[in-house]
Protein backbone atom coordinates (compact mmCIF):
# COMPACT_ATOMS: atom_id res chain seq x y z
CA MET A 1 -106.40 -5.23 -128.80
CA ASP A 2 -106.79 -4.58 -132.57
CA LYS A 3 -105.78 -6.88 -135.46
CA ILE A 4 -102.85 -4.82 -136.23
CA GLU A 5 -101.58 -4.81 -132.90
CA PHE A 6 -102.07 -8.72 -132.58
CA TYR A 7 -100.27 -9.49 -135.77
CA PHE A 8 -97.36 -7.31 -134.70
CA LYS A 9 -96.90 -9.33 -131.71
CA VAL A 10 -97.24 -12.66 -133.45
CA LEU A 11 -94.45 -11.17 -135.78
CA ALA A 12 -92.21 -10.32 -133.04
CA ARG A 13 -92.75 -13.70 -131.35
CA TYR A 14 -91.74 -15.33 -134.61
CA ASP A 15 -88.69 -13.13 -134.66
CA LEU A 16 -87.61 -14.16 -131.42
CA TYR A 17 -87.96 -17.67 -132.64
CA VAL A 18 -85.53 -17.11 -135.57
CA GLN A 19 -83.20 -15.19 -133.24
CA LEU A 20 -83.40 -18.35 -131.11
CA ALA A 21 -82.44 -20.62 -133.84
CA ASN A 22 -79.59 -18.45 -135.03
CA THR A 23 -78.12 -18.06 -131.50
CA LYS A 24 -78.26 -21.96 -131.03
CA ALA A 25 -76.59 -22.41 -134.51
CA SER A 26 -73.86 -19.87 -133.73
CA ASN A 27 -73.17 -21.40 -130.48
CA GLN A 28 -72.81 -24.80 -132.38
CA ILE A 29 -70.30 -23.11 -134.64
CA THR A 30 -68.34 -21.86 -131.54
CA PHE A 31 -68.30 -25.34 -129.92
CA LEU A 32 -67.27 -26.97 -133.23
CA SER A 33 -64.44 -24.59 -133.48
CA SER A 34 -63.33 -25.60 -129.95
CA ILE A 35 -63.51 -29.39 -130.62
CA LEU A 36 -62.02 -28.73 -133.89
CA VAL A 37 -58.91 -27.38 -132.31
CA ALA A 38 -58.63 -29.71 -129.65
CA ILE A 39 -58.78 -32.87 -131.64
CA THR A 40 -56.61 -31.33 -134.25
CA ALA A 41 -53.88 -30.78 -131.55
CA LEU A 42 -54.62 -34.16 -130.05
CA VAL A 43 -54.06 -36.03 -133.36
CA GLY A 44 -50.78 -34.09 -133.98
CA TRP A 45 -49.61 -34.82 -130.57
CA GLY A 46 -50.73 -38.58 -130.69
CA ILE A 47 -49.29 -39.70 -133.75
CA SER A 48 -45.70 -40.51 -134.50
CA PHE A 49 -45.22 -40.36 -138.43
CA THR A 50 -41.83 -41.71 -138.07
CA ASN A 51 -42.92 -45.09 -136.24
CA MET A 52 -46.61 -45.53 -137.83
CA ASP A 53 -48.33 -48.26 -136.34
CA ILE A 54 -52.02 -49.58 -136.74
CA LEU A 55 -53.23 -47.25 -134.13
CA GLY A 56 -51.84 -44.25 -135.83
CA CYS A 57 -53.35 -45.30 -139.13
CA MET A 58 -56.80 -45.72 -137.64
CA THR A 59 -56.46 -42.35 -135.89
CA ILE A 60 -55.69 -40.62 -139.26
CA VAL A 61 -58.55 -42.62 -140.89
CA LEU A 62 -60.95 -41.36 -138.14
CA TYR A 63 -59.76 -37.93 -138.22
CA GLY A 64 -60.63 -37.98 -141.94
CA PHE A 65 -64.30 -38.87 -140.89
CA PHE A 66 -64.13 -36.30 -138.10
CA LEU A 67 -63.35 -33.52 -140.31
CA TYR A 68 -65.95 -34.57 -142.88
CA CYS A 69 -68.53 -34.70 -140.18
CA CYS A 70 -67.32 -31.01 -139.02
CA GLY A 71 -67.65 -29.85 -142.50
CA GLU A 72 -71.46 -31.04 -142.75
CA TRP A 73 -72.04 -29.92 -139.06
CA TYR A 74 -70.60 -26.36 -140.18
CA MET A 75 -72.77 -26.20 -143.42
CA HIS A 76 -75.96 -27.32 -141.73
CA CYS A 77 -75.29 -24.47 -138.92
CA MET A 78 -74.64 -22.03 -141.80
CA ASN A 79 -78.00 -23.04 -143.27
CA VAL A 80 -79.77 -22.17 -140.05
CA ILE A 81 -78.01 -18.71 -139.80
CA GLN A 82 -78.48 -17.68 -143.40
CA PRO A 83 -80.95 -14.72 -143.75
CA ASN A 84 -83.97 -14.80 -145.57
CA ARG A 85 -84.50 -12.24 -148.51
CA LYS A 86 -87.34 -13.67 -149.96
CA ARG A 87 -90.54 -11.38 -150.28
CA SER A 88 -93.00 -14.24 -150.23
CA LYS A 89 -92.94 -17.79 -149.64
CA SER A 90 -92.63 -18.88 -153.21
CA ASP A 91 -90.17 -16.18 -154.33
CA SER A 92 -87.31 -18.09 -155.84
CA ASN A 93 -85.57 -14.71 -157.34
CA SER A 94 -85.31 -11.67 -155.09
CA ASP A 95 -83.31 -9.79 -157.61
CA VAL A 96 -86.45 -9.37 -160.04
CA LYS A 97 -87.41 -5.68 -160.54
CA ILE A 98 -90.77 -5.14 -158.71
CA ASP A 99 -92.85 -1.90 -159.17
CA GLU A 100 -93.19 0.21 -156.11
CA ASP A 101 -97.05 -0.40 -155.86
CA GLU A 102 -96.28 -4.18 -155.20
CA LEU A 103 -93.75 -3.61 -152.52
CA SER A 104 -94.37 -4.30 -148.82
CA THR A 105 -93.95 -1.37 -146.31
CA ILE A 106 -93.13 -3.71 -143.71
CA PHE A 107 -90.46 -6.24 -145.02
CA TYR A 108 -87.06 -4.69 -144.74
CA SER A 109 -85.89 -5.73 -148.39
CA ASP A 110 -88.90 -4.22 -149.84
CA VAL A 111 -88.75 -0.93 -148.09
CA ALA A 112 -85.10 -0.57 -149.08
CA LYS A 113 -86.42 -0.86 -152.77
CA PHE A 114 -88.27 2.37 -152.66
CA LYS A 115 -86.52 5.05 -154.74
CA ASP A 116 -86.49 7.40 -151.58
CA LEU A 117 -87.74 8.09 -148.27
CA GLN A 118 -90.84 10.17 -149.89
CA SER A 119 -91.82 7.17 -151.99
CA ILE A 120 -92.33 4.97 -148.98
CA LYS A 121 -93.97 7.85 -147.04
CA ASP A 122 -96.24 8.37 -149.80
CA LYS A 123 -97.07 4.50 -149.99
CA VAL A 124 -97.85 4.23 -146.48
CA GLU A 125 -100.35 7.39 -146.42
CA ALA A 126 -102.08 5.92 -149.39
CA LYS A 127 -102.85 2.57 -147.80
CA ASP A 128 -106.00 2.27 -145.84
CA GLU A 129 -105.99 0.14 -142.50
CA GLN A 130 -107.06 -2.91 -144.31
CA SER A 131 -104.16 -2.70 -146.97
CA HIS A 132 -101.85 -2.51 -143.69
CA LEU A 133 -103.26 -5.50 -142.36
CA ASP A 134 -103.05 -7.25 -145.14
CA ASP A 135 -99.49 -6.43 -145.84
CA LEU A 136 -98.94 -7.35 -142.34
CA ILE A 137 -100.65 -10.72 -142.43
CA ASN A 138 -98.52 -11.48 -145.60
CA GLN A 139 -95.46 -10.82 -143.67
CA VAL A 140 -96.49 -12.92 -140.58
CA TYR A 141 -97.23 -15.72 -143.23
CA ILE A 142 -93.70 -15.42 -144.67
CA MET A 143 -91.99 -15.10 -141.30
CA ALA A 144 -93.88 -18.46 -139.98
CA SER A 145 -92.51 -20.26 -142.86
CA VAL A 146 -89.03 -18.78 -142.43
CA THR A 147 -89.21 -19.93 -138.83
CA GLU A 148 -90.38 -23.31 -139.90
CA LYS A 149 -87.28 -23.66 -142.17
CA LYS A 150 -84.89 -22.67 -139.57
CA PHE A 151 -86.11 -24.98 -137.22
CA ASP A 152 -86.19 -27.89 -139.71
CA ASP A 153 -82.69 -26.90 -140.73
CA TYR A 154 -81.65 -26.89 -136.96
CA GLN A 155 -82.83 -30.39 -136.60
CA LYS A 156 -80.44 -31.65 -139.36
CA ILE A 157 -77.37 -30.41 -137.23
CA GLN A 158 -78.04 -33.05 -134.64
CA PRO A 159 -76.57 -36.23 -136.31
CA TRP A 160 -73.32 -34.38 -137.36
CA LEU A 161 -72.72 -33.09 -134.04
CA ILE A 162 -73.18 -36.54 -132.45
CA SER A 163 -71.04 -38.06 -134.96
CA ALA A 164 -68.21 -35.68 -134.64
CA VAL A 165 -68.25 -35.97 -130.76
CA VAL A 166 -68.46 -39.99 -130.96
CA ILE A 167 -65.59 -39.85 -133.57
CA SER A 168 -63.44 -37.47 -131.34
CA ILE A 169 -64.02 -39.74 -128.42
CA PHE A 170 -62.66 -42.51 -130.50
CA ILE A 171 -59.65 -40.47 -131.37
CA LEU A 172 -59.00 -39.54 -127.87
CA LEU A 173 -59.07 -43.32 -126.91
CA LEU A 174 -56.89 -44.29 -129.81
CA THR A 175 -54.40 -41.51 -128.89
CA CYS A 176 -54.28 -42.56 -125.38
CA ILE A 177 -53.76 -46.05 -126.08
CA SER A 178 -50.97 -45.17 -128.54
CA LYS A 179 -49.09 -42.97 -125.96
CA ILE A 180 -49.40 -45.70 -123.16
CA ASN A 181 -47.80 -48.27 -125.80
């Protein structure tokens, strides 16, 4: 196996990891939506606004915390899902005009910046095998940092998920106790 084939396989593996993180975060948003609807309905069913007692007040306060946790949970999920449009690890502004000679022939955002199809064909033809390999290794490096960031961002979801679930259990208990009384 030559180096180019090897690094394309590495790049494909990183892409699978990115897809996995995105899918897991998307599934978390689906679960978040379900639990949010269920707890909102439970709070609406369990609180009597005409005869408010201490349990009703506690439920409302917990519901406020629950909504905050859900908001944080959602934002952290979206941090995982957001696409990477940086052309290098240190790139802070992807809107800067770049000369076509500096563009990658692999990175989708760079490929889209060529003025036309012929421009990219000419760039590909002008490159030697080492230049293609260097471009590919750069993309592998960038994709590795993207993958690492996605996994780091995904780790930050867990505390908000646990908090929202624990609070929802307390809301369920308070609502049941309130209805029994």
